[in-house]
Amino acid sequence: MRKKLLVLGVAIFCSYFSAVAQTEKEDDVKQENVVSHKVEMGETVMLIAKKYRTTPENIYDLNPEAVHGISYNTVLQIPADKRYVAKDKAKKTNRINNDAVYNNGHQTASVPKG
């Protein structure tokens, strides 16, 4: 009976520390995938979450003050997959270049949409 209790205790002990180590590993991964985002006019946490393919809850975890609302030019920390961030920046650059206004063959202004 004592041997069974000892084996059970060791098993519980090992599984607990395995779970703690896994949680710490996940936290490290999350910290590596954090980017800064400057809030633009009209953006909401939901729109930003969709843009970075995350959830509003994940954004609130890193920015607890955002629960009460966000405002223009606020910088938020966003948990994001780097693959999606790089693609989004490339699309934005192309969109700005394509939306330039020309007058007599000369660029007079750059008008980004969105």
PDB file of N, CA and C in Angstrom:
ATOM      1  N   MET A   1       0.826  -1.194   0.000  1.00  0.00           N
ATOM      2  CA  MET A   1       0.000   0.000   0.000  1.00  0.00           C
ATOM      3  C   MET A   1       0.870   1.258   0.000  1.00  0.00           C
ATOM      4  N   ARG A   2       1.933   1.242   0.810  1.00  0.00           N
ATOM      5  CA  ARG A   2       2.824   2.394   0.862  1.00  0.00           C
ATOM      6  C   ARG A   2       3.512   2.614  -0.479  1.00  0.00           C
ATOM      7  N   LYS A   3       3.871   1.518  -1.129  1.00  0.00           N
ATOM      8  CA  LYS A   3       4.552   1.607  -2.413  1.00  0.00           C
ATOM      9  C   LYS A   3       3.637   2.255  -3.458  1.00  0.00           C
ATOM     10  N   LYS A   4       2.348   1.901  -3.450  1.00  0.00           N
ATOM     11  CA  LYS A   4       1.383   2.479  -4.382  1.00  0.00           C
ATOM     12  C   LYS A   4       1.220   3.980  -4.132  1.00  0.00           C
ATOM     13  N   LEU A   5       1.153   4.380  -2.880  1.00  0.00           N
ATOM     14  CA  LEU A   5       1.029   5.796  -2.544  1.00  0.00           C
ATOM     15  C   LEU A   5       2.271   6.576  -2.971  1.00  0.00           C
ATOM     16  N   LEU A   6       3.432   5.973  -2.778  1.00  0.00           N
ATOM     17  CA  LEU A   6       4.675   6.626  -3.177  1.00  0.00           C
ATOM     18  C   LEU A   6       4.725   6.813  -4.693  1.00  0.00           C
ATOM     19  N   VAL A   7       4.370   5.779  -5.439  1.00  0.00           N
ATOM     20  CA  VAL A   7       4.350   5.857  -6.908  1.00  0.00           C
ATOM     21  C   VAL A   7       3.340   6.911  -7.361  1.00  0.00           C
ATOM     22  N   LEU A   8       2.168   6.937  -6.746  1.00  0.00           N
ATOM     23  CA  LEU A   8       1.148   7.926  -7.076  1.00  0.00           C
ATOM     24  C   LEU A   8       1.651   9.347  -6.784  1.00  0.00           C
ATOM     25  N   GLY A   9       2.290   9.523  -5.657  1.00  0.00           N
ATOM     26  CA  GLY A   9       2.837  10.839  -5.293  1.00  0.00           C
ATOM     27  C   GLY A   9       3.894  11.311  -6.276  1.00  0.00           C
ATOM     28  N   VAL A  10       4.794  10.425  -6.676  1.00  0.00           N
ATOM     29  CA  VAL A  10       5.836  10.767  -7.642  1.00  0.00           C
ATOM     30  C   VAL A  10       5.205  11.115  -8.987  1.00  0.00           C
ATOM     31  N   ALA A  11       4.194  10.371  -9.399  1.00  0.00           N
ATOM     32  CA  ALA A  11       3.518  10.644 -10.673  1.00  0.00           C
ATOM     33  C   ALA A  11       2.847  12.028 -10.650  1.00  0.00           C
ATOM     34  N   ILE A  12       2.183  12.359  -9.574  1.00  0.00           N
ATOM     35  CA  ILE A  12       1.532  13.675  -9.457  1.00  0.00           C
ATOM     36  C   ILE A  12       2.586  14.780  -9.465  1.00  0.00           C
ATOM     37  N   PHE A  13       3.658  14.571  -8.725  1.00  0.00           N
ATOM     38  CA  PHE A  13       4.744  15.544  -8.653  1.00  0.00           C
ATOM     39  C   PHE A  13       5.326  15.808 -10.046  1.00  0.00           C
ATOM     40  N   CYS A  14       5.611  14.754 -10.793  1.00  0.00           N
ATOM     41  CA  CYS A  14       6.199  14.883 -12.137  1.00  0.00           C
ATOM     42  C   CYS A  14       5.239  15.562 -13.107  1.00  0.00           C
ATOM     43  N   SER A  15       3.963  15.192 -13.061  1.00  0.00           N
ATOM     44  CA  SER A  15       2.993  15.790 -13.984  1.00  0.00           C
ATOM     45  C   SER A  15       2.791  17.269 -13.685  1.00  0.00           C
ATOM     46  N   TYR A  16       2.835  17.658 -12.410  1.00  0.00           N
ATOM     47  CA  TYR A  16       2.684  19.072 -12.039  1.00  0.00           C
ATOM     48  C   TYR A  16       3.828  19.895 -12.619  1.00  0.00           C
ATOM     49  N   PHE A  17       5.064  19.455 -12.420  1.00  0.00           N
ATOM     50  CA  PHE A  17       6.197  20.229 -12.908  1.00  0.00           C
ATOM     51  C   PHE A  17       6.303  20.201 -14.430  1.00  0.00           C
ATOM     52  N   SER A  18       5.815  19.156 -15.047  1.00  0.00           N
ATOM     53  CA  SER A  18       5.765  19.108 -16.501  1.00  0.00           C
ATOM     54  C   SER A  18       4.797  20.168 -17.021  1.00  0.00           C
ATOM     55  N   ALA A  19       3.651  20.313 -16.372  1.00  0.00           N
ATOM     56  CA  ALA A  19       2.657  21.316 -16.768  1.00  0.00           C
ATOM     57  C   ALA A  19       3.200  22.727 -16.562  1.00  0.00           C
ATOM     58  N   VAL A  20       3.900  22.960 -15.471  1.00  0.00           N
ATOM     59  CA  VAL A  20       4.488  24.275 -15.201  1.00  0.00           C
ATOM     60  C   VAL A  20       5.532  24.611 -16.264  1.00  0.00           C
ATOM     61  N   ALA A  21       6.365  23.660 -16.622  1.00  0.00           N
ATOM     62  CA  ALA A  21       7.389  23.882 -17.638  1.00  0.00           C
ATOM     63  C   ALA A  21       6.749  24.185 -18.991  1.00  0.00           C
ATOM     64  N   GLN A  22       5.672  23.492 -19.331  1.00  0.00           N
ATOM     65  CA  GLN A  22       4.975  23.733 -20.588  1.00  0.00           C
ATOM     66  C   GLN A  22       4.392  25.134 -20.624  1.00  0.00           C
ATOM     67  N   THR A  23       3.805  25.582 -19.528  1.00  0.00           N
ATOM     68  CA  THR A  23       3.228  26.929 -19.451  1.00  0.00           C
ATOM     69  C   THR A  23       4.316  27.978 -19.627  1.00  0.00           C
ATOM     70  N   GLU A  24       5.464  27.798 -18.994  1.00  0.00           N
ATOM     71  CA  GLU A  24       6.561  28.746 -19.147  1.00  0.00           C
ATOM     72  C   GLU A  24       7.050  28.780 -20.584  1.00  0.00           C
ATOM     73  N   LYS A  25       7.093  27.630 -21.230  1.00  0.00           N
ATOM     74  CA  LYS A  25       7.520  27.569 -22.625  1.00  0.00           C
ATOM     75  C   LYS A  25       6.542  28.320 -23.516  1.00  0.00           C
ATOM     76  N   GLU A  26       5.245  28.164 -23.299  1.00  0.00           N
ATOM     77  CA  GLU A  26       4.237  28.873 -24.072  1.00  0.00           C
ATOM     78  C   GLU A  26       4.339  30.374 -23.846  1.00  0.00           C
ATOM     79  N   ASP A  27       4.612  30.803 -22.609  1.00  0.00           N
ATOM     80  CA  ASP A  27       4.778  32.223 -22.313  1.00  0.00           C
ATOM     81  C   ASP A  27       5.962  32.799 -23.076  1.00  0.00           C
ATOM     82  N   ASP A  28       7.072  32.045 -23.161  1.00  0.00           N
ATOM     83  CA  ASP A  28       8.238  32.503 -23.905  1.00  0.00           C
ATOM     84  C   ASP A  28       7.912  32.669 -25.380  1.00  0.00           C
ATOM     85  N   VAL A  29       7.162  31.735 -25.949  1.00  0.00           N
ATOM     86  CA  VAL A  29       6.772  31.823 -27.355  1.00  0.00           C
ATOM     87  C   VAL A  29       5.896  33.046 -27.568  1.00  0.00           C
ATOM     88  N   LYS A  30       4.957  33.284 -26.670  1.00  0.00           N
ATOM     89  CA  LYS A  30       4.077  34.441 -26.803  1.00  0.00           C
ATOM     90  C   LYS A  30       4.875  35.733 -26.772  1.00  0.00           C
ATOM     91  N   GLN A  31       5.866  35.841 -25.897  1.00  0.00           N
ATOM     92  CA  GLN A  31       6.652  37.057 -25.804  1.00  0.00           C
ATOM     93  C   GLN A  31       7.473  37.285 -27.070  1.00  0.00           C
ATOM     94  N   GLU A  32       7.917  36.233 -27.725  1.00  0.00           N
ATOM     95  CA  GLU A  32       8.691  36.375 -28.946  1.00  0.00           C
ATOM     96  C   GLU A  32       7.832  36.880 -30.094  1.00  0.00           C
ATOM     97  N   ASN A  33       6.546  36.647 -30.053  1.00  0.00           N
ATOM     98  CA  ASN A  33       5.656  37.017 -31.139  1.00  0.00           C
ATOM     99  C   ASN A  33       4.813  38.237 -30.805  1.00  0.00           C
ATOM    100  N   VAL A  34       5.416  39.226 -30.183  1.00  0.00           N
ATOM    101  CA  VAL A  34       4.694  40.443 -29.834  1.00  0.00           C
ATOM    102  C   VAL A  34       5.209  41.575 -30.709  1.00  0.00           C
ATOM    103  N   VAL A  35       4.274  42.305 -31.320  1.00  0.00           N
ATOM    104  CA  VAL A  35       4.630  43.461 -32.138  1.00  0.00           C
ATOM    105  C   VAL A  35       3.901  44.680 -31.602  1.00  0.00           C
ATOM    106  N   SER A  36       4.428  45.855 -31.908  1.00  0.00           N
ATOM    107  CA  SER A  36       3.777  47.108 -31.520  1.00  0.00           C
ATOM    108  C   SER A  36       2.872  47.557 -32.656  1.00  0.00           C
ATOM    109  N   HIS A  37       1.710  48.095 -32.296  1.00  0.00           N
ATOM    110  CA  HIS A  37       0.769  48.603 -33.285  1.00  0.00           C
ATOM    111  C   HIS A  37       0.287  49.978 -32.831  1.00  0.00           C
ATOM    112  N   LYS A  38       0.421  50.968 -33.687  1.00  0.00           N
ATOM    113  CA  LYS A  38      -0.060  52.315 -33.390  1.00  0.00           C
ATOM    114  C   LYS A  38      -1.485  52.429 -33.915  1.00  0.00           C
ATOM    115  N   VAL A  39      -2.413  52.724 -33.024  1.00  0.00           N
ATOM    116  CA  VAL A  39      -3.831  52.768 -33.377  1.00  0.00           C
ATOM    117  C   VAL A  39      -4.092  53.914 -34.349  1.00  0.00           C
ATOM    118  N   GLU A  40      -4.759  53.579 -35.445  1.00  0.00           N
ATOM    119  CA  GLU A  40      -5.123  54.576 -36.444  1.00  0.00           C
ATOM    120  C   GLU A  40      -6.574  54.997 -36.233  1.00  0.00           C
ATOM    121  N   MET A  41      -6.952  56.104 -36.826  1.00  0.00           N
ATOM    122  CA  MET A  41      -8.294  56.644 -36.679  1.00  0.00           C
ATOM    123  C   MET A  41      -9.337  55.608 -37.112  1.00  0.00           C
ATOM    124  N   GLY A  42     -10.318  55.376 -36.261  1.00  0.00           N
ATOM    125  CA  GLY A  42     -11.421  54.471 -36.578  1.00  0.00           C
ATOM    126  C   GLY A  42     -11.172  53.006 -36.261  1.00  0.00           C
ATOM    127  N   GLU A  43      -9.987  52.663 -35.818  1.00  0.00           N
ATOM    128  CA  GLU A  43      -9.705  51.262 -35.510  1.00  0.00           C
ATOM    129  C   GLU A  43     -10.308  50.869 -34.169  1.00  0.00           C
ATOM    130  N   THR A  44     -10.701  49.617 -34.078  1.00  0.00           N
ATOM    131  CA  THR A  44     -11.193  49.041 -32.832  1.00  0.00           C
ATOM    132  C   THR A  44     -10.318  47.848 -32.482  1.00  0.00           C
ATOM    133  N   VAL A  45     -10.437  47.381 -31.264  1.00  0.00           N
ATOM    134  CA  VAL A  45      -9.660  46.208 -30.850  1.00  0.00           C
ATOM    135  C   VAL A  45     -10.047  45.014 -31.720  1.00  0.00           C
ATOM    136  N   MET A  46     -11.315  44.906 -32.055  1.00  0.00           N
ATOM    137  CA  MET A  46     -11.768  43.793 -32.898  1.00  0.00           C
ATOM    138  C   MET A  46     -11.104  43.853 -34.283  1.00  0.00           C
ATOM    139  N   LEU A  47     -11.046  45.028 -34.890  1.00  0.00           N
ATOM    140  CA  LEU A  47     -10.415  45.162 -36.198  1.00  0.00           C
ATOM    141  C   LEU A  47      -8.919  44.860 -36.139  1.00  0.00           C
ATOM    142  N   ILE A  48      -8.269  45.334 -35.085  1.00  0.00           N
ATOM    143  CA  ILE A  48      -6.840  45.082 -34.920  1.00  0.00           C
ATOM    144  C   ILE A  48      -6.595  43.585 -34.715  1.00  0.00           C
ATOM    145  N   ALA A  49      -7.441  42.952 -33.921  1.00  0.00           N
ATOM    146  CA  ALA A  49      -7.308  41.509 -33.691  1.00  0.00           C
ATOM    147  C   ALA A  49      -7.437  40.738 -35.007  1.00  0.00           C
ATOM    148  N   LYS A  50      -8.403  41.107 -35.826  1.00  0.00           N
ATOM    149  CA  LYS A  50      -8.567  40.434 -37.126  1.00  0.00           C
ATOM    150  C   LYS A  50      -7.353  40.659 -38.010  1.00  0.00           C
ATOM    151  N   LYS A  51      -6.826  41.881 -37.985  1.00  0.00           N
ATOM    152  CA  LYS A  51      -5.668  42.231 -38.817  1.00  0.00           C
ATOM    153  C   LYS A  51      -4.468  41.347 -38.491  1.00  0.00           C
ATOM    154  N   TYR A  52      -4.254  41.075 -37.212  1.00  0.00           N
ATOM    155  CA  TYR A  52      -3.105  40.282 -36.780  1.00  0.00           C
ATOM    156  C   TYR A  52      -3.459  38.817 -36.512  1.00  0.00           C
ATOM    157  N   ARG A  53      -4.664  38.432 -36.839  1.00  0.00           N
ATOM    158  CA  ARG A  53      -5.141  37.052 -36.672  1.00  0.00           C
ATOM    159  C   ARG A  53      -4.962  36.554 -35.239  1.00  0.00           C
ATOM    160  N   THR A  54      -5.482  37.352 -34.325  1.00  0.00           N
ATOM    161  CA  THR A  54      -5.477  37.000 -32.919  1.00  0.00           C
ATOM    162  C   THR A  54      -6.868  37.316 -32.376  1.00  0.00           C
ATOM    163  N   THR A  55      -7.043  37.306 -31.081  1.00  0.00           N
ATOM    164  CA  THR A  55      -8.348  37.602 -30.490  1.00  0.00           C
ATOM    165  C   THR A  55      -8.259  38.875 -29.656  1.00  0.00           C
ATOM    166  N   PRO A  56      -9.388  39.562 -29.481  1.00  0.00           N
ATOM    167  CA  PRO A  56      -9.389  40.733 -28.601  1.00  0.00           C
ATOM    168  C   PRO A  56      -8.907  40.382 -27.193  1.00  0.00           C
ATOM    169  N   GLU A  57      -9.254  39.197 -26.715  1.00  0.00           N
ATOM    170  CA  GLU A  57      -8.837  38.769 -25.376  1.00  0.00           C
ATOM    171  C   GLU A  57      -7.316  38.721 -25.260  1.00  0.00           C
ATOM    172  N   ASN A  58      -6.637  38.235 -26.310  1.00  0.00           N
ATOM    173  CA  ASN A  58      -5.178  38.202 -26.300  1.00  0.00           C
ATOM    174  C   ASN A  58      -4.590  39.613 -26.264  1.00  0.00           C
ATOM    175  N   ILE A  59      -5.230  40.538 -26.968  1.00  0.00           N
ATOM    176  CA  ILE A  59      -4.777  41.933 -26.949  1.00  0.00           C
ATOM    177  C   ILE A  59      -4.992  42.529 -25.563  1.00  0.00           C
ATOM    178  N   TYR A  60      -6.146  42.252 -24.962  1.00  0.00           N
ATOM    179  CA  TYR A  60      -6.424  42.761 -23.616  1.00  0.00           C
ATOM    180  C   TYR A  60      -5.460  42.180 -22.581  1.00  0.00           C
ATOM    181  N   ASP A  61      -5.019  40.949 -22.778  1.00  0.00           N
ATOM    182  CA  ASP A  61      -4.056  40.337 -21.850  1.00  0.00           C
ATOM    183  C   ASP A  61      -2.763  41.149 -21.798  1.00  0.00           C
ATOM    184  N   LEU A  62      -2.309  41.638 -22.957  1.00  0.00           N
ATOM    185  CA  LEU A  62      -1.074  42.414 -23.010  1.00  0.00           C
ATOM    186  C   LEU A  62      -1.296  43.904 -22.765  1.00  0.00           C
ATOM    187  N   ASN A  63      -2.543  44.355 -22.913  1.00  0.00           N
ATOM    188  CA  ASN A  63      -2.879  45.779 -22.772  1.00  0.00           C
ATOM    189  C   ASN A  63      -4.134  45.929 -21.930  1.00  0.00           C
ATOM    190  N   PRO A  64      -4.055  45.698 -20.628  1.00  0.00           N
ATOM    191  CA  PRO A  64      -5.261  45.720 -19.785  1.00  0.00           C
ATOM    192  C   PRO A  64      -6.021  47.046 -19.835  1.00  0.00           C
ATOM    193  N   GLU A  65      -5.316  48.150 -20.063  1.00  0.00           N
ATOM    194  CA  GLU A  65      -5.983  49.455 -20.138  1.00  0.00           C
ATOM    195  C   GLU A  65      -6.889  49.583 -21.363  1.00  0.00           C
ATOM    196  N   ALA A  66      -6.670  48.755 -22.370  1.00  0.00           N
ATOM    197  CA  ALA A  66      -7.468  48.804 -23.597  1.00  0.00           C
ATOM    198  C   ALA A  66      -8.902  48.327 -23.368  1.00  0.00           C
ATOM    199  N   VAL A  67      -9.140  47.634 -22.267  1.00  0.00           N
ATOM    200  CA  VAL A  67     -10.495  47.166 -21.948  1.00  0.00           C
ATOM    201  C   VAL A  67     -11.445  48.359 -21.844  1.00  0.00           C
ATOM    202  N   HIS A  68     -10.924  49.488 -21.393  1.00  0.00           N
ATOM    203  CA  HIS A  68     -11.740  50.690 -21.223  1.00  0.00           C
ATOM    204  C   HIS A  68     -11.832  51.518 -22.497  1.00  0.00           C
ATOM    205  N   GLY A  69     -11.189  51.071 -23.569  1.00  0.00           N
ATOM    206  CA  GLY A  69     -11.231  51.768 -24.845  1.00  0.00           C
ATOM    207  C   GLY A  69      -9.834  52.132 -25.310  1.00  0.00           C
ATOM    208  N   ILE A  70      -9.712  52.338 -26.614  1.00  0.00           N
ATOM    209  CA  ILE A  70      -8.434  52.747 -27.199  1.00  0.00           C
ATOM    210  C   ILE A  70      -8.660  54.055 -27.939  1.00  0.00           C
ATOM    211  N   SER A  71      -7.594  54.804 -28.111  1.00  0.00           N
ATOM    212  CA  SER A  71      -7.717  56.070 -28.829  1.00  0.00           C
ATOM    213  C   SER A  71      -6.612  56.188 -29.875  1.00  0.00           C
ATOM    214  N   TYR A  72      -6.800  57.118 -30.765  1.00  0.00           N
ATOM    215  CA  TYR A  72      -5.883  57.386 -31.861  1.00  0.00           C
ATOM    216  C   TYR A  72      -4.462  57.584 -31.330  1.00  0.00           C
ATOM    217  N   ASN A  73      -3.481  56.989 -32.003  1.00  0.00           N
ATOM    218  CA  ASN A  73      -2.056  57.068 -31.691  1.00  0.00           C
ATOM    219  C   ASN A  73      -1.631  56.280 -30.460  1.00  0.00           C
ATOM    220  N   THR A  74      -2.543  55.546 -29.827  1.00  0.00           N
ATOM    221  CA  THR A  74      -2.155  54.677 -28.723  1.00  0.00           C
ATOM    222  C   THR A  74      -1.315  53.538 -29.293  1.00  0.00           C
ATOM    223  N   VAL A  75      -0.256  53.159 -28.599  1.00  0.00           N
ATOM    224  CA  VAL A  75       0.578  52.040 -29.049  1.00  0.00           C
ATOM    225  C   VAL A  75       0.201  50.811 -28.233  1.00  0.00           C
ATOM    226  N   LEU A  76      -0.222  49.773 -28.930  1.00  0.00           N
ATOM    227  CA  LEU A  76      -0.621  48.518 -28.295  1.00  0.00           C
ATOM    228  C   LEU A  76       0.410  47.441 -28.584  1.00  0.00           C
ATOM    229  N   GLN A  77       0.573  46.536 -27.648  1.00  0.00           N
ATOM    230  CA  GLN A  77       1.396  45.349 -27.860  1.00  0.00           C
ATOM    231  C   GLN A  77       0.452  44.255 -28.360  1.00  0.00           C
ATOM    232  N   ILE A  78       0.771  43.685 -29.512  1.00  0.00           N
ATOM    233  CA  ILE A  78      -0.114  42.713 -30.146  1.00  0.00           C
ATOM    234  C   ILE A  78       0.585  41.364 -30.258  1.00  0.00           C
ATOM    235  N   PRO A  79      -0.052  40.296 -29.739  1.00  0.00           N
ATOM    236  CA  PRO A  79       0.500  38.962 -29.967  1.00  0.00           C
ATOM    237  C   PRO A  79       0.178  38.562 -31.403  1.00  0.00           C
ATOM    238  N   ALA A  80       1.216  38.356 -32.208  1.00  0.00           N
ATOM    239  CA  ALA A  80       0.963  38.120 -33.623  1.00  0.00           C
ATOM    240  C   ALA A  80       1.961  37.148 -34.204  1.00  0.00           C
ATOM    241  N   ASP A  81       1.532  36.452 -35.219  1.00  0.00           N
ATOM    242  CA  ASP A  81       2.396  35.568 -35.985  1.00  0.00           C
ATOM    243  C   ASP A  81       3.170  36.438 -36.979  1.00  0.00           C
ATOM    244  N   LYS A  82       4.481  36.388 -36.940  1.00  0.00           N
ATOM    245  CA  LYS A  82       5.323  37.242 -37.786  1.00  0.00           C
ATOM    246  C   LYS A  82       4.998  37.095 -39.281  1.00  0.00           C
ATOM    247  N   ARG A  83       4.543  35.923 -39.700  1.00  0.00           N
ATOM    248  CA  ARG A  83       4.226  35.726 -41.122  1.00  0.00           C
ATOM    249  C   ARG A  83       3.128  36.673 -41.566  1.00  0.00           C
ATOM    250  N   TYR A  84       2.110  36.869 -40.726  1.00  0.00           N
ATOM    251  CA  TYR A  84       0.993  37.716 -41.100  1.00  0.00           C
ATOM    252  C   TYR A  84       1.361  39.189 -41.026  1.00  0.00           C
ATOM    253  N   VAL A  85       2.209  39.559 -40.079  1.00  0.00           N
ATOM    254  CA  VAL A  85       2.632  40.951 -39.944  1.00  0.00           C
ATOM    255  C   VAL A  85       3.419  41.372 -41.172  1.00  0.00           C
ATOM    256  N   ALA A  86       4.344  40.538 -41.623  1.00  0.00           N
ATOM    257  CA  ALA A  86       5.162  40.863 -42.791  1.00  0.00           C
ATOM    258  C   ALA A  86       4.298  41.012 -44.031  1.00  0.00           C
ATOM    259  N   LYS A  87       3.325  40.134 -44.231  1.00  0.00           N
ATOM    260  CA  LYS A  87       2.442  40.217 -45.387  1.00  0.00           C
ATOM    261  C   LYS A  87       1.619  41.503 -45.349  1.00  0.00           C
ATOM    262  N   ASP A  88       1.120  41.868 -44.166  1.00  0.00           N
ATOM    263  CA  ASP A  88       0.299  43.063 -44.038  1.00  0.00           C
ATOM    264  C   ASP A  88       1.097  44.319 -44.357  1.00  0.00           C
ATOM    265  N   LYS A  89       2.343  44.410 -43.896  1.00  0.00           N
ATOM    266  CA  LYS A  89       3.169  45.580 -44.177  1.00  0.00           C
ATOM    267  C   LYS A  89       3.445  45.688 -45.668  1.00  0.00           C
ATOM    268  N   ALA A  90       3.682  44.564 -46.336  1.00  0.00           N
ATOM    269  CA  ALA A  90       3.936  44.580 -47.778  1.00  0.00           C
ATOM    270  C   ALA A  90       2.702  45.056 -48.531  1.00  0.00           C
ATOM    271  N   LYS A  91       1.525  44.601 -48.132  1.00  0.00           N
ATOM    272  CA  LYS A  91       0.289  45.028 -48.780  1.00  0.00           C
ATOM    273  C   LYS A  91       0.076  46.524 -48.596  1.00  0.00           C
ATOM    274  N   LYS A  92       0.333  47.044 -47.394  1.00  0.00           N
ATOM    275  CA  LYS A  92       0.130  48.454 -47.108  1.00  0.00           C
ATOM    276  C   LYS A  92       1.075  49.309 -47.953  1.00  0.00           C
ATOM    277  N   THR A  93       2.339  48.889 -48.078  1.00  0.00           N
ATOM    278  CA  THR A  93       3.302  49.638 -48.885  1.00  0.00           C
ATOM    279  C   THR A  93       2.850  49.670 -50.334  1.00  0.00           C
ATOM    280  N   ASN A  94       2.421  48.546 -50.878  1.00  0.00           N
ATOM    281  CA  ASN A  94       1.955  48.498 -52.256  1.00  0.00           C
ATOM    282  C   ASN A  94       0.725  49.361 -52.452  1.00  0.00           C
ATOM    283  N   ARG A  95      -0.192  49.354 -51.480  1.00  0.00           N
ATOM    284  CA  ARG A  95      -1.411  50.144 -51.586  1.00  0.00           C
ATOM    285  C   ARG A  95      -1.080  51.636 -51.612  1.00  0.00           C
ATOM    286  N   ILE A  96      -0.158  52.082 -50.777  1.00  0.00           N
ATOM    287  CA  ILE A  96       0.215  53.498 -50.749  1.00  0.00           C
ATOM    288  C   ILE A  96       0.859  53.891 -52.068  1.00  0.00           C
ATOM    289  N   ASN A  97       1.756  53.058 -52.587  1.00  0.00           N
ATOM    290  CA  ASN A  97       2.406  53.369 -53.861  1.00  0.00           C
ATOM    291  C   ASN A  97       1.409  53.420 -55.011  1.00  0.00           C
ATOM    292  N   ASN A  98       0.408  52.567 -54.985  1.00  0.00           N
ATOM    293  CA  ASN A  98      -0.584  52.533 -56.054  1.00  0.00           C
ATOM    294  C   ASN A  98      -1.595  53.668 -55.960  1.00  0.00           C
ATOM    295  N   ASP A  99      -1.733  54.293 -54.796  1.00  0.00           N
ATOM    296  CA  ASP A  99      -2.722  55.342 -54.602  1.00  0.00           C
ATOM    297  C   ASP A  99      -2.139  56.742 -54.746  1.00  0.00           C
ATOM    298  N   ALA A 100      -0.924  56.861 -55.220  1.00  0.00           N
ATOM    299  CA  ALA A 100      -0.315  58.177 -55.379  1.00  0.00           C
ATOM    300  C   ALA A 100      -1.086  58.969 -56.429  1.00  0.00           C
ATOM    301  N   VAL A 101      -1.210  60.271 -56.213  1.00  0.00           N
ATOM    302  CA  VAL A 101      -1.923  61.155 -57.135  1.00  0.00           C
ATOM    303  C   VAL A 101      -0.895  61.838 -58.030  1.00  0.00           C
ATOM    304  N   TYR A 102      -1.130  61.788 -59.341  1.00  0.00           N
ATOM    305  CA  TYR A 102      -0.197  62.378 -60.285  1.00  0.00           C
ATOM    306  C   TYR A 102      -0.831  63.578 -60.973  1.00  0.00           C
ATOM    307  N   ASN A 103      -0.012  64.617 -61.209  1.00  0.00           N
ATOM    308  CA  ASN A 103      -0.447  65.820 -61.898  1.00  0.00           C
ATOM    309  C   ASN A 103       0.597  66.110 -62.969  1.00  0.00           C
ATOM    310  N   ASN A 104       0.215  66.031 -64.232  1.00  0.00           N
ATOM    311  CA  ASN A 104       1.128  66.229 -65.356  1.00  0.00           C
ATOM    312  C   ASN A 104       2.357  65.317 -65.271  1.00  0.00           C
ATOM    313  N   GLY A 105       2.139  64.077 -64.852  1.00  0.00           N
ATOM    314  CA  GLY A 105       3.220  63.109 -64.806  1.00  0.00           C
ATOM    315  C   GLY A 105       4.084  63.170 -63.562  1.00  0.00           C
ATOM    316  N   HIS A 106       3.794  64.110 -62.644  1.00  0.00           N
ATOM    317  CA  HIS A 106       4.579  64.242 -61.413  1.00  0.00           C
ATOM    318  C   HIS A 106       3.718  63.883 -60.222  1.00  0.00           C
ATOM    319  N   GLN A 107       4.306  63.150 -59.300  1.00  0.00           N
ATOM    320  CA  GLN A 107       3.560  62.784 -58.096  1.00  0.00           C
ATOM    321  C   GLN A 107       3.393  64.019 -57.232  1.00  0.00           C
ATOM    322  N   THR A 108       2.127  64.307 -56.892  1.00  0.00           N
ATOM    323  CA  THR A 108       1.850  65.504 -56.080  1.00  0.00           C
ATOM    324  C   THR A 108       1.468  65.168 -54.660  1.00  0.00           C
ATOM    325  N   ALA A 109       0.930  63.989 -54.453  1.00  0.00           N
ATOM    326  CA  ALA A 109       0.530  63.598 -53.095  1.00  0.00           C
ATOM    327  C   ALA A 109       0.377  62.094 -53.034  1.00  0.00           C
ATOM    328  N   SER A 110       0.527  61.571 -51.857  1.00  0.00           N
ATOM    329  CA  SER A 110       0.281  60.160 -51.635  1.00  0.00           C
ATOM    330  C   SER A 110      -0.924  60.059 -50.736  1.00  0.00           C
ATOM    331  N   VAL A 111      -1.959  59.356 -51.193  1.00  0.00           N
ATOM    332  CA  VAL A 111      -3.214  59.308 -50.451  1.00  0.00           C
ATOM    333  C   VAL A 111      -3.508  57.871 -50.083  1.00  0.00           C
ATOM    334  N   PRO A 112      -3.087  57.437 -48.894  1.00  0.00           N
ATOM    335  CA  PRO A 112      -3.396  56.064 -48.496  1.00  0.00           C
ATOM    336  C   PRO A 112      -4.863  55.910 -48.166  1.00  0.00           C
ATOM    337  N   LYS A 113      -5.440  54.802 -48.570  1.00  0.00           N
ATOM    338  CA  LYS A 113      -6.842  54.508 -48.257  1.00  0.00           C
ATOM    339  C   LYS A 113      -6.912  53.650 -47.016  1.00  0.00           C
ATOM    340  N   GLY A 114      -8.042  53.734 -46.346  1.00  0.00           N
ATOM    341  CA  GLY A 114      -8.317  52.786 -45.313  1.00  0.00           C
ATOM    342  C   GLY A 114      -7.963  53.140 -43.969  1.00  0.00           C
TER     343      GLY A 114
END
